[in-house]
Amino acid sequence: MSNIRKEQEREELHKAIWNIANDLRGSVDGWDFKQYVLGIMFYRYISENITNYINADEYEAGNINFDYAKISDAEAEEAREDMVKTKGFFILPSQLFCNVRKNARNNKDLNEALEKIFKAIESSAKGTESEKDFEGLFADIDVNSNKLGATVDKRNDKLVKLLDGIGDMKLGNYKDNSIDAFGDAYEYLMSMYASNAGKSGGEFYTPQEVSELLTKLTVVGKTEVNKVYDPACGSGSLLLKFAKILGKDKVRQGFFGQEINLTTYNLCRINMFLHDIDFDKFNIACEDTLISPQHWDDEPFEAIVSNPPYSIKWAGDDNPLLINDTRFSPAGVLAPKSKADMAFIMHSLSWLATNGTAAIVCFPGIFYRGGAEQKIRKYLVDNNFIDCIIQLPDNLFYGTSIATCIMVMKKSKKDNSILFIDASKEFVKVTNNNKLSDENIEHILNTFIERKDKEYVSRLVPSEEIAKNDYNLSVSTYVEKEDTREKIDIKVLNQQIKEIVAKEEILRKKIDEIIADIEGGNNE
């Protein structure tokens, strides 16, 4: 399928989402409001997903006029057990998005009906393998919230608009669509709200291009990995890049992540489904990763990617158990209580497979500060776990203009050096933000793969030199910045000055002559 058609579809989809947001809100500034759009989109997605699945089965059996949306609830009940086993959930025909939307305008109890349906979908998974993937999934879509309107009628009016807007989105049959339509719509919404919501939105969202770079760094030379993990997964955009770049079947044992914020955790699970990742192929947990990691039984991971929160507070040495935790104890010291950055790095390293790669977005301060952070850097360098440090351009992320870095870690390195890359000029300007283009990503990746010295771009530094520099890992310490100031030839400049001085002499003489003439004339 041509790229032009793909872009047209994407453009159309984005326009539709923008219109829904504008229509319902007046202006796109509501980070909360995003949840309604995503929630209803998810409701449409799983309705169509189960309908298409059951219909395809019936067609294969020769029943070509069958339509699950048109049969009775009683008849459909026969499929419940099988569907919960296969899909992880069940929806009755009367509860399907298309049927609820049809009667929405005339339903005075629309808000209550939707609430019951959402509860029914969640409880269809109770007591089964998929229970934790569906539990509380619709918790943030409060159909009785004042945010939707002050009265039931006003709320229902908004809900009708939502159902219509999302029902009119041309998402096509998921399998035929040239773009990953639901997933793409989700990503567009997230970026749209994140850029408008500043910090509150940005902390849940890593720009797609940065996600792509991180993913590609971890899969160099590989066509598949056993499983991927993000210890601070937000809405899951980093994990899902692997499905896009490798293909979801090439992540053999699935997608694992942990997220502390409940709303974002729900968004992450919804995002998995919207990208057609089945319930048995992902495991997302809601807890504090540093204090209560939930995937002890699943580690180690072959690919780890993360953009953890910068310099957040954590328990640190207030908690006497942490220094004996196998994730942190090897360094002999804990990350400072006021800055948990290094704790995320130690956690990721601990759960990294011997043949794996981790790529973590880091706040630059952790590379040069003293104290506990310096001791952790010493541990990482002396044990040869750091493969590469990449200096990124500033202004890449929503809500912060800081020029962040990427730390790439490996447990089985072929040399005892660290590659430093200065990629601070690798960006294109887009409105207020900088962005990595495909070309920028390719440049950075090629430099990473070549692992050679390139003037002003990269340098492979032996660990002894880093030790002499007090384990400073700032890229600017090792990669010289190009002097872009204009070069001046002193000989030429001196010649020019001589000529100017000579001209000045002539001018002076002429002025003196004129003044003498004038004065002589005045004396007569």
Protein backbone atom coordinates (compact mmCIF):
# COMPACT_ATOMS: atom_id res chain seq x y z
CA MET A 1 0.00 0.00 0.00
CA SER A 2 1.31 3.42 -0.92
CA ASN A 3 2.69 5.82 1.64
CA ILE A 4 0.39 8.54 0.28
CA ARG A 5 -2.73 6.49 1.13
CA LYS A 6 -1.26 5.68 4.54
CA GLU A 7 -0.64 9.36 5.27
CA GLN A 8 -4.14 10.27 4.04
CA GLU A 9 -5.70 7.72 6.39
CA ARG A 10 -3.59 8.98 9.26
CA GLU A 11 -4.41 12.60 8.46
CA GLU A 12 -8.14 11.79 8.36
CA LEU A 13 -7.97 9.96 11.66
CA HIS A 14 -6.09 12.79 13.37
CA LYS A 15 -8.61 15.31 12.05
CA ALA A 16 -11.49 13.24 13.41
CA ILE A 17 -9.89 12.99 16.86
CA TRP A 18 -9.12 16.70 16.90
CA ASN A 19 -12.74 17.49 16.02
CA ILE A 20 -14.10 15.26 18.80
CA ALA A 21 -11.80 16.91 21.32
CA ASN A 22 -12.73 20.40 20.12
CA ASP A 23 -16.42 19.66 19.90
CA LEU A 24 -16.58 18.27 23.39
CA ARG A 25 -14.24 20.59 25.13
CA GLY A 26 -14.09 23.85 23.27
CA SER A 27 -10.31 23.66 23.33
CA VAL A 28 -7.85 20.82 23.65
CA ASP A 29 -6.45 21.37 27.09
CA GLY A 30 -8.06 18.71 29.22
CA TRP A 31 -5.64 15.99 30.25
CA ASP A 32 -8.55 14.34 32.13
CA PHE A 33 -10.73 14.52 29.09
CA LYS A 34 -8.39 12.33 27.11
CA GLN A 35 -9.46 9.39 29.27
CA TYR A 36 -13.04 9.57 27.96
CA VAL A 37 -11.96 9.62 24.34
CA LEU A 38 -9.52 6.74 24.88
CA GLY A 39 -11.98 4.80 27.03
CA ILE A 40 -14.79 4.93 24.49
CA MET A 41 -12.31 4.17 21.70
CA PHE A 42 -11.23 1.11 23.65
CA TYR A 43 -14.89 0.12 24.15
CA ARG A 44 -15.43 0.32 20.39
CA TYR A 45 -12.22 -1.63 19.75
CA ILE A 46 -13.02 -4.62 21.97
CA SER A 47 -16.64 -4.68 20.70
CA GLU A 48 -15.41 -4.93 17.11
CA ASN A 49 -12.59 -7.27 18.06
CA ILE A 50 -14.90 -9.90 19.59
CA THR A 51 -17.55 -9.47 16.87
CA ASN A 52 -15.02 -9.93 14.05
CA TYR A 53 -13.52 -12.95 15.82
CA ILE A 54 -16.86 -14.75 16.30
CA ASN A 55 -18.10 -13.79 12.80
CA ALA A 56 -14.91 -15.09 11.15
CA ASP A 57 -15.40 -18.44 12.90
CA GLU A 58 -19.00 -18.68 11.70
CA TYR A 59 -18.09 -17.72 8.11
CA GLU A 60 -15.48 -20.45 8.07
CA ALA A 61 -18.13 -22.92 9.17
CA GLY A 62 -20.19 -21.85 6.12
CA ASN A 63 -22.62 -19.58 7.99
CA ILE A 64 -22.03 -16.52 5.76
CA ASN A 65 -25.07 -14.50 6.87
CA PHE A 66 -24.19 -14.67 10.55
CA ASP A 67 -23.67 -11.42 12.50
CA TYR A 68 -22.89 -11.61 16.21
CA ALA A 69 -24.24 -8.07 16.74
CA LYS A 70 -27.70 -9.22 15.60
CA ILE A 71 -28.21 -12.38 17.69
CA SER A 72 -29.93 -12.50 21.10
CA ASP A 73 -28.04 -12.30 24.37
CA ALA A 74 -29.40 -15.71 25.36
CA GLU A 75 -28.02 -17.29 22.18
CA ALA A 76 -24.65 -15.54 22.66
CA GLU A 77 -24.22 -16.87 26.22
CA GLU A 78 -23.18 -20.23 24.72
CA ALA A 79 -19.93 -18.61 23.50
CA ARG A 80 -19.02 -16.97 26.84
CA GLU A 81 -16.72 -19.62 28.27
CA ASP A 82 -14.82 -20.15 25.04
CA MET A 83 -14.40 -16.38 24.44
CA VAL A 84 -13.08 -15.70 27.95
CA LYS A 85 -10.51 -18.45 27.45
CA THR A 86 -9.44 -17.17 24.02
CA LYS A 87 -9.92 -13.41 24.23
CA GLY A 88 -9.82 -12.94 27.99
CA PHE A 89 -13.22 -11.15 28.10
CA PHE A 90 -16.83 -11.38 26.89
CA ILE A 91 -19.42 -8.86 25.65
CA LEU A 92 -23.09 -9.67 25.00
CA PRO A 93 -24.58 -8.44 21.69
CA SER A 94 -26.82 -5.91 23.50
CA GLN A 95 -23.68 -4.46 25.14
CA LEU A 96 -21.70 -3.98 21.90
CA PHE A 97 -20.61 -0.45 20.98
CA CYS A 98 -22.60 -0.45 17.69
CA ASN A 99 -25.87 -1.47 19.42
CA VAL A 100 -25.51 0.97 22.33
CA ARG A 101 -24.66 3.79 19.92
CA LYS A 102 -27.75 3.05 17.78
CA ASN A 103 -30.14 3.79 20.66
CA ALA A 104 -27.96 6.27 22.57
CA ARG A 105 -29.92 9.41 21.65
CA ASN A 106 -33.19 8.02 22.98
CA ASN A 107 -31.71 6.42 26.08
CA LYS A 108 -32.37 8.64 29.10
CA ASP A 109 -30.27 6.28 31.24
CA LEU A 110 -27.30 6.15 28.86
CA ASN A 111 -24.76 6.95 31.58
CA GLU A 112 -26.06 4.13 33.80
CA ALA A 113 -26.24 1.70 30.88
CA LEU A 114 -22.60 2.39 29.98
CA GLU A 115 -21.49 2.02 33.59
CA LYS A 116 -23.20 -1.41 33.79
CA ILE A 117 -21.62 -2.51 30.51
CA PHE A 118 -18.12 -1.48 31.60
CA LYS A 119 -18.57 -3.38 34.89
CA ALA A 120 -19.90 -6.42 33.02
CA ILE A 121 -16.88 -6.47 30.66
CA GLU A 122 -14.47 -6.25 33.61
CA SER A 123 -16.26 -8.94 35.62
CA SER A 124 -16.45 -11.30 32.61
CA ALA A 125 -12.74 -11.97 33.28
CA LYS A 126 -13.17 -12.52 37.06
CA GLY A 127 -11.68 -15.75 38.33
CA THR A 128 -9.84 -16.38 35.06
CA GLU A 129 -6.29 -16.01 33.79
CA SER A 130 -7.05 -12.58 32.34
CA GLU A 131 -8.60 -11.13 35.52
CA LYS A 132 -5.72 -8.78 36.37
CA ASP A 133 -5.53 -7.48 32.79
CA PHE A 134 -9.18 -6.37 32.84
CA GLU A 135 -9.69 -5.45 36.49
CA GLY A 136 -10.46 -1.73 36.86
CA LEU A 137 -9.75 -1.04 33.18
CA PHE A 138 -12.68 1.36 32.86
CA ALA A 139 -12.16 2.89 36.33
CA ASP A 140 -11.12 6.28 34.95
CA ILE A 141 -14.10 6.64 32.63
CA ASP A 142 -16.49 8.11 35.15
CA VAL A 143 -19.74 8.52 33.20
CA ASN A 144 -21.30 10.36 36.17
CA SER A 145 -18.53 12.94 36.54
CA ASN A 146 -19.28 16.66 36.61
CA LYS A 147 -16.48 17.04 34.08
CA LEU A 148 -18.93 15.68 31.52
CA GLY A 149 -21.70 18.09 32.53
CA ALA A 150 -23.57 19.45 35.54
CA THR A 151 -26.76 17.40 34.97
CA VAL A 152 -27.52 13.86 33.81
CA ASP A 153 -28.99 15.24 30.55
CA LYS A 154 -25.86 17.26 29.84
CA ARG A 155 -23.64 14.28 30.64
CA ASN A 156 -25.66 12.03 28.37
CA ASP A 157 -25.50 14.62 25.62
CA LYS A 158 -21.68 14.56 25.82
CA LEU A 159 -21.67 10.75 25.88
CA VAL A 160 -23.81 10.64 22.72
CA LYS A 161 -21.34 13.01 21.01
CA LEU A 162 -18.47 10.82 22.16
CA LEU A 163 -20.11 7.63 20.87
CA ASP A 164 -20.94 9.29 17.54
CA GLY A 165 -17.55 10.90 17.10
CA ILE A 166 -15.68 7.68 17.81
CA GLY A 167 -18.23 5.60 15.88
CA ASP A 168 -17.67 7.79 12.81
CA MET A 169 -13.90 7.36 12.90
CA LYS A 170 -12.85 5.48 9.80
CA LEU A 171 -10.90 2.71 11.48
CA GLY A 172 -11.90 0.10 8.89
CA ASN A 173 -11.44 -3.56 9.54
CA TYR A 174 -8.44 -3.71 11.82
CA LYS A 175 -6.66 -6.33 9.70
CA ASP A 176 -7.13 -4.49 6.39
CA ASN A 177 -6.09 -1.13 7.66
CA SER A 178 -2.83 0.20 6.30
CA ILE A 179 -2.09 1.95 9.57
CA ASP A 180 -2.38 0.45 13.01
CA ALA A 181 -5.50 2.59 13.30
CA PHE A 182 -6.54 2.24 16.93
CA GLY A 183 -2.95 2.32 18.15
CA ASP A 184 -2.13 5.29 15.95
CA ALA A 185 -5.19 7.16 17.20
CA TYR A 186 -4.09 6.48 20.76
CA GLU A 187 -0.57 7.76 20.11
CA TYR A 188 -1.85 10.88 18.39
CA LEU A 189 -4.17 11.63 21.29
CA MET A 190 -1.41 11.11 23.82
CA SER A 191 1.02 13.39 22.01
CA MET A 192 -1.68 15.99 21.37
CA TYR A 193 -2.63 16.17 25.05
CA ALA A 194 0.93 15.82 26.31
CA SER A 195 2.13 18.79 24.28
CA ASN A 196 -0.85 20.83 25.49
CA ALA A 197 -0.73 19.65 29.07
CA GLY A 198 2.95 20.31 29.67
CA LYS A 199 4.37 18.46 32.62
CA SER A 200 1.20 16.62 33.66
CA GLY A 201 0.93 15.10 30.23
CA GLY A 202 4.61 14.80 29.42
CA GLU A 203 5.44 12.60 32.37
CA PHE A 204 3.27 9.86 30.87
CA TYR A 205 4.62 10.09 27.40
CA THR A 206 7.91 9.62 25.57
CA PRO A 207 7.89 11.09 22.03
CA GLN A 208 7.64 8.39 19.36
CA GLU A 209 11.03 9.22 17.80
CA VAL A 210 12.85 8.84 21.12
CA SER A 211 11.02 5.53 21.70
CA GLU A 212 12.14 4.38 18.28
CA LEU A 213 15.78 5.25 18.96
CA LEU A 214 15.76 3.43 22.33
CA THR A 215 14.17 0.33 20.81
CA LYS A 216 16.58 0.22 17.89
CA LEU A 217 19.58 0.58 20.22
CA THR A 218 18.49 -2.53 22.14
CA VAL A 219 17.87 -4.74 19.10
CA VAL A 220 20.98 -4.03 16.98
CA GLY A 221 21.84 -7.26 15.16
CA LYS A 222 18.67 -9.04 16.36
CA THR A 223 15.45 -9.95 14.58
CA GLU A 224 13.68 -11.12 17.75
CA VAL A 225 13.95 -10.98 21.55
CA ASN A 226 12.56 -13.17 24.32
CA LYS A 227 10.76 -10.39 26.23
CA VAL A 228 10.87 -6.64 26.77
CA TYR A 229 10.58 -4.69 30.00
CA ASP A 230 10.08 -1.09 31.14
CA PRO A 231 10.35 -0.44 34.90
CA ALA A 232 8.51 2.92 34.61
CA CYS A 233 6.28 2.15 31.65
CA GLY A 234 3.80 5.04 31.72
CA SER A 235 1.27 4.48 28.96
CA GLY A 236 3.39 1.76 27.35
CA SER A 237 4.58 3.61 24.24
CA LEU A 238 8.18 2.38 24.67
CA LEU A 239 7.20 -1.27 25.03
CA LEU A 240 4.92 -1.10 22.01
CA LYS A 241 7.67 0.24 19.76
CA PHE A 242 9.06 -3.32 19.78
CA ALA A 243 5.80 -4.60 18.29
CA LYS A 244 6.14 -1.99 15.55
CA ILE A 245 9.85 -2.42 14.82
CA LEU A 246 10.30 -6.18 15.23
CA GLY A 247 6.67 -7.34 14.86
CA LYS A 248 4.71 -8.42 17.94
CA ASP A 249 5.34 -12.13 17.31
CA LYS A 250 9.09 -11.48 17.41
CA VAL A 251 8.79 -10.56 21.08
CA ARG A 252 8.42 -14.21 21.94
CA GLN A 253 7.35 -14.16 25.57
CA GLY A 254 5.71 -10.79 25.64
CA PHE A 255 5.70 -7.28 27.10
CA PHE A 256 6.34 -6.52 30.78
CA GLY A 257 6.09 -3.22 32.61
CA GLN A 258 5.40 -1.55 35.92
CA GLU A 259 3.75 1.81 36.56
CA ILE A 260 3.08 3.60 39.87
CA ASN A 261 0.26 5.91 38.70
CA LEU A 262 -3.12 4.13 38.60
CA THR A 263 -4.62 6.18 35.76
CA THR A 264 -1.54 5.71 33.60
CA TYR A 265 -1.47 2.01 34.45
CA ASN A 266 -5.03 1.70 33.13
CA LEU A 267 -4.06 3.62 29.99
CA CYS A 268 -1.11 1.27 29.50
CA ARG A 269 -3.29 -1.85 29.60
CA ILE A 270 -5.81 -0.24 27.25
CA ASN A 271 -2.93 0.68 24.93
CA MET A 272 -1.78 -2.98 24.83
CA PHE A 273 -5.24 -4.09 23.69
CA LEU A 274 -5.53 -1.26 21.15
CA HIS A 275 -2.28 -2.50 19.59
CA ASP A 276 -3.74 -6.00 19.34
CA ILE A 277 -1.49 -7.50 22.03
CA ASP A 278 -3.46 -10.38 23.58
CA PHE A 279 -3.95 -10.57 27.35
CA ASP A 280 -1.56 -13.53 27.70
CA LYS A 281 1.26 -11.64 25.93
CA PHE A 282 1.53 -8.72 28.35
CA ASN A 283 1.99 -8.32 32.08
CA ILE A 284 1.65 -4.76 33.40
CA ALA A 285 1.73 -4.16 37.17
CA CYS A 286 0.73 -1.16 39.31
CA GLU A 287 3.18 -0.64 42.19
CA ASP A 288 6.34 1.31 43.08
CA THR A 289 9.07 -0.46 41.08
CA LEU A 290 11.91 0.57 43.36
CA ILE A 291 10.27 -0.58 46.61
CA SER A 292 7.93 -3.30 45.37
CA PRO A 293 9.01 -4.76 42.01
CA GLN A 294 6.38 -7.12 40.62
CA HIS A 295 8.29 -9.18 38.05
CA TRP A 296 10.81 -11.22 40.07
CA ASP A 297 9.46 -14.39 38.42
CA ASP A 298 9.83 -12.98 34.90
CA GLU A 299 13.34 -11.52 34.94
CA PRO A 300 15.87 -11.48 33.31
CA PHE A 301 14.83 -9.53 30.20
CA GLU A 302 16.65 -9.41 26.89
CA ALA A 303 15.57 -5.85 26.11
CA ILE A 304 14.96 -3.12 28.68
CA VAL A 305 13.92 0.40 27.68
CA SER A 306 12.85 3.21 29.98
CA ASN A 307 12.37 6.92 30.48
CA PRO A 308 12.07 6.94 34.29
CA PRO A 309 10.99 10.11 36.13
CA TYR A 310 13.96 12.48 36.63
CA SER A 311 15.30 13.10 40.13
CA ILE A 312 12.30 11.93 42.12
CA LYS A 313 12.49 11.25 45.86
CA TRP A 314 12.58 7.65 47.11
CA ALA A 315 13.08 5.82 50.43
CA GLY A 316 16.81 5.21 49.88
CA ASP A 317 18.70 4.55 53.10
CA ASP A 318 15.62 5.41 55.20
CA ASN A 319 14.61 1.85 54.37
CA PRO A 320 17.19 -0.50 55.97
CA LEU A 321 16.09 -3.41 53.74
CA LEU A 322 17.08 -1.73 50.50
CA ILE A 323 20.88 -1.93 50.90
CA ASN A 324 20.52 -5.74 51.10
CA ASP A 325 18.20 -5.87 48.06
CA THR A 326 20.04 -7.86 45.35
CA ARG A 327 19.22 -5.13 42.83
CA PHE A 328 21.05 -2.38 44.74
CA SER A 329 23.56 -4.14 47.03
CA PRO A 330 26.28 -4.82 44.40
CA ALA A 331 27.19 -1.10 44.24
CA GLY A 332 27.56 -0.99 48.04
CA VAL A 333 25.63 2.28 48.22
CA LEU A 334 22.08 3.46 47.49
CA ALA A 335 21.06 6.32 45.19
CA PRO A 336 20.46 9.54 47.21
CA LYS A 337 17.00 9.90 48.78
CA SER A 338 16.35 13.08 46.80
CA LYS A 339 17.36 11.57 43.44
CA ALA A 340 16.23 8.05 42.55
CA ASP A 341 17.71 8.09 39.00
CA MET A 342 20.58 5.69 39.78
CA ALA A 343 18.18 3.32 41.59
CA PHE A 344 16.28 2.83 38.31
CA ILE A 345 19.59 2.16 36.55
CA MET A 346 20.69 -0.42 39.13
CA HIS A 347 17.26 -2.08 39.03
CA SER A 348 17.37 -2.32 35.22
CA LEU A 349 20.91 -3.68 35.20
CA SER A 350 19.98 -6.31 37.79
CA TRP A 351 17.12 -7.61 35.64
CA LEU A 352 19.01 -7.49 32.33
CA ALA A 353 19.76 -10.83 30.63
CA THR A 354 23.39 -11.78 29.94
CA ASN A 355 22.79 -11.40 26.20
CA GLY A 356 20.58 -8.35 26.62
CA THR A 357 20.77 -4.57 26.17
CA ALA A 358 19.18 -1.80 28.24
CA ALA A 359 18.68 1.75 26.96
CA ILE A 360 17.62 4.29 29.61
CA VAL A 361 16.90 8.02 29.24
CA CYS A 362 18.86 9.83 31.97
CA PHE A 363 18.95 13.23 33.61
CA PRO A 364 22.45 14.68 32.86
CA GLY A 365 23.31 15.45 36.52
CA ILE A 366 23.79 11.77 37.36
CA PHE A 367 26.87 11.66 35.09
CA TYR A 368 28.99 14.20 36.98
CA ARG A 369 27.67 14.65 40.53
CA GLY A 370 29.76 13.35 43.45
CA GLY A 371 28.74 11.31 46.48
CA ALA A 372 26.68 8.13 46.17
CA GLU A 373 26.06 8.69 42.45
CA GLN A 374 29.79 8.80 41.77
CA LYS A 375 30.26 5.52 43.70
CA ILE A 376 27.52 3.87 41.60
CA ARG A 377 29.19 5.14 38.41
CA LYS A 378 32.49 3.64 39.65
CA TYR A 379 30.75 0.28 40.14
CA LEU A 380 29.20 0.41 36.65
CA VAL A 381 32.47 1.41 34.92
CA ASP A 382 34.78 -0.93 36.87
CA ASN A 383 32.50 -3.88 36.10
CA ASN A 384 32.26 -2.88 32.42
CA PHE A 385 28.45 -2.66 32.26
CA ILE A 386 28.22 0.68 30.39
CA ASP A 387 28.35 0.32 26.63
CA CYS A 388 27.55 3.84 25.44
CA ILE A 389 26.43 7.31 26.59
CA ILE A 390 24.55 9.44 24.05
CA GLN A 391 24.02 13.19 24.53
CA LEU A 392 20.61 14.08 23.04
CA PRO A 393 19.48 17.54 21.84
CA ASP A 394 17.58 19.77 24.28
CA ASN A 395 13.84 20.39 24.04
CA LEU A 396 12.91 16.88 22.83
CA PHE A 397 10.46 16.03 25.59
CA TYR A 398 7.08 17.52 26.51
CA GLY A 399 7.20 19.62 29.65
CA THR A 400 11.00 19.94 29.92
CA SER A 401 13.66 21.62 27.80
CA ILE A 402 16.55 19.71 29.45
CA ALA A 403 19.07 18.06 27.14
CA THR A 404 18.83 14.46 28.36
CA CYS A 405 21.15 11.52 27.66
CA ILE A 406 20.77 7.82 26.96
CA MET A 407 22.77 5.23 28.87
CA VAL A 408 23.16 1.91 27.05
CA MET A 409 24.12 -1.04 29.28
CA LYS A 410 25.24 -4.58 28.45
CA LYS A 411 26.48 -7.48 30.57
CA SER A 412 28.56 -9.11 27.83
CA LYS A 413 30.70 -6.43 26.23
CA LYS A 414 33.46 -7.21 23.74
CA ASP A 415 35.79 -4.41 24.88
CA ASN A 416 36.63 -2.51 28.04
CA SER A 417 35.76 0.97 26.73
CA ILE A 418 32.72 3.22 26.68
CA LEU A 419 31.53 4.93 23.50
CA PHE A 420 30.52 8.59 23.95
CA ILE A 421 28.30 10.14 21.26
CA ASP A 422 27.45 13.82 20.98
CA ALA A 423 24.09 13.85 19.17
CA SER A 424 23.11 17.30 20.46
CA LYS A 425 22.91 18.67 16.89
CA GLU A 426 20.85 15.75 15.56
CA PHE A 427 17.40 17.33 15.41
CA VAL A 428 14.91 19.20 13.27
CA LYS A 429 12.93 22.13 14.64
CA VAL A 430 9.16 21.60 14.85
CA THR A 431 7.19 24.53 16.34
CA ASN A 432 8.43 24.92 19.95
CA ASN A 433 10.03 21.51 20.21
CA ASN A 434 12.97 19.75 18.63
CA LYS A 435 12.38 16.39 17.00
CA LEU A 436 14.54 13.48 15.86
CA SER A 437 14.01 12.83 12.14
CA ASP A 438 14.48 9.37 10.57
CA GLU A 439 17.81 10.65 9.30
CA ASN A 440 18.89 11.78 12.79
CA ILE A 441 17.99 8.37 14.25
CA GLU A 442 19.95 6.64 11.47
CA HIS A 443 23.04 8.82 12.09
CA ILE A 444 23.00 8.09 15.82
CA LEU A 445 22.46 4.35 15.25
CA ASN A 446 25.25 4.09 12.68
CA THR A 447 27.66 5.88 15.02
CA PHE A 448 26.61 3.49 17.80
CA ILE A 449 27.15 0.43 15.58
CA GLU A 450 30.51 1.60 14.14
CA ARG A 451 31.93 2.21 17.64
CA LYS A 452 34.77 4.42 16.35
CA ASP A 453 36.29 7.83 17.01
CA LYS A 454 34.74 10.55 14.83
CA GLU A 455 35.92 14.12 15.31
CA TYR A 456 33.33 16.21 17.21
CA VAL A 457 30.83 13.27 17.15
CA SER A 458 32.07 10.21 19.02
CA ARG A 459 34.94 8.78 20.99
CA LEU A 460 35.68 5.30 22.34
CA VAL A 461 37.22 5.86 25.76
CA PRO A 462 39.11 3.18 27.74
CA SER A 463 37.79 2.70 31.28
CA GLU A 464 41.21 3.69 32.75
CA GLU A 465 40.81 7.20 31.33
CA ILE A 466 37.31 7.44 32.83
CA ALA A 467 38.68 6.35 36.22
CA LYS A 468 41.32 9.13 35.98
CA ASN A 469 38.47 11.59 35.35
CA ASP A 470 36.84 10.59 38.67
CA TYR A 471 34.28 8.48 36.78
CA ASN A 472 32.77 11.52 35.09
CA LEU A 473 30.52 10.24 32.29
CA SER A 474 29.48 13.54 30.68
CA VAL A 475 29.83 13.37 26.91
CA SER A 476 31.38 16.87 26.79
CA THR A 477 34.34 15.60 28.88
CA TYR A 478 35.36 13.22 26.09
CA VAL A 479 33.97 14.55 22.80
CA GLU A 480 35.31 17.95 21.80
CA LYS A 481 32.77 20.46 20.55
CA GLU A 482 33.42 21.85 17.11
CA ASP A 483 34.38 25.52 17.12
CA THR A 484 31.95 27.01 14.62
CA ARG A 485 33.21 30.56 15.03
CA GLU A 486 34.57 32.17 11.91
CA LYS A 487 38.29 31.44 11.37
CA ILE A 488 40.39 34.61 11.05
CA ASP A 489 43.69 34.86 9.14
CA ILE A 490 45.92 37.23 11.18
CA LYS A 491 48.16 38.16 8.18
CA VAL A 492 45.16 39.17 6.09
CA LEU A 493 43.69 41.06 9.05
CA ASN A 494 46.97 42.97 9.63
CA GLN A 495 47.15 43.89 5.93
CA GLN A 496 43.53 45.13 6.08
CA ILE A 497 44.33 47.24 9.17
CA LYS A 498 47.40 48.73 7.39
CA GLU A 499 45.26 49.70 4.42
CA ILE A 500 42.57 51.22 6.66
CA VAL A 501 45.22 53.21 8.59
CA ALA A 502 46.74 54.45 5.28
CA LYS A 503 43.30 55.49 4.00
CA GLU A 504 42.65 57.20 7.30
CA GLU A 505 45.93 59.20 6.91
CA ILE A 506 44.89 60.40 3.44
CA LEU A 507 41.43 61.37 4.73
CA ARG A 508 42.94 63.25 7.66
CA LYS A 509 45.22 65.23 5.29
CA LYS A 510 42.25 66.08 3.04
CA ILE A 511 40.15 67.20 6.01
CA ASP A 512 43.07 69.32 7.30
CA GLU A 513 43.42 70.95 3.86
CA ILE A 514 39.68 71.72 3.70
CA ILE A 515 39.73 73.20 7.24
CA ALA A 516 42.85 75.29 6.36
CA ASP A 517 41.06 76.58 3.22
CA ILE A 518 37.95 77.47 5.18
CA GLU A 519 39.97 79.20 7.91
CA GLY A 520 42.09 81.05 5.30
CA GLY A 521 38.89 82.27 3.61
CA ASN A 522 37.45 83.46 6.91
CA ASN A 523 40.59 85.48 7.69
CA GLU A 524 40.41 87.53 4.52
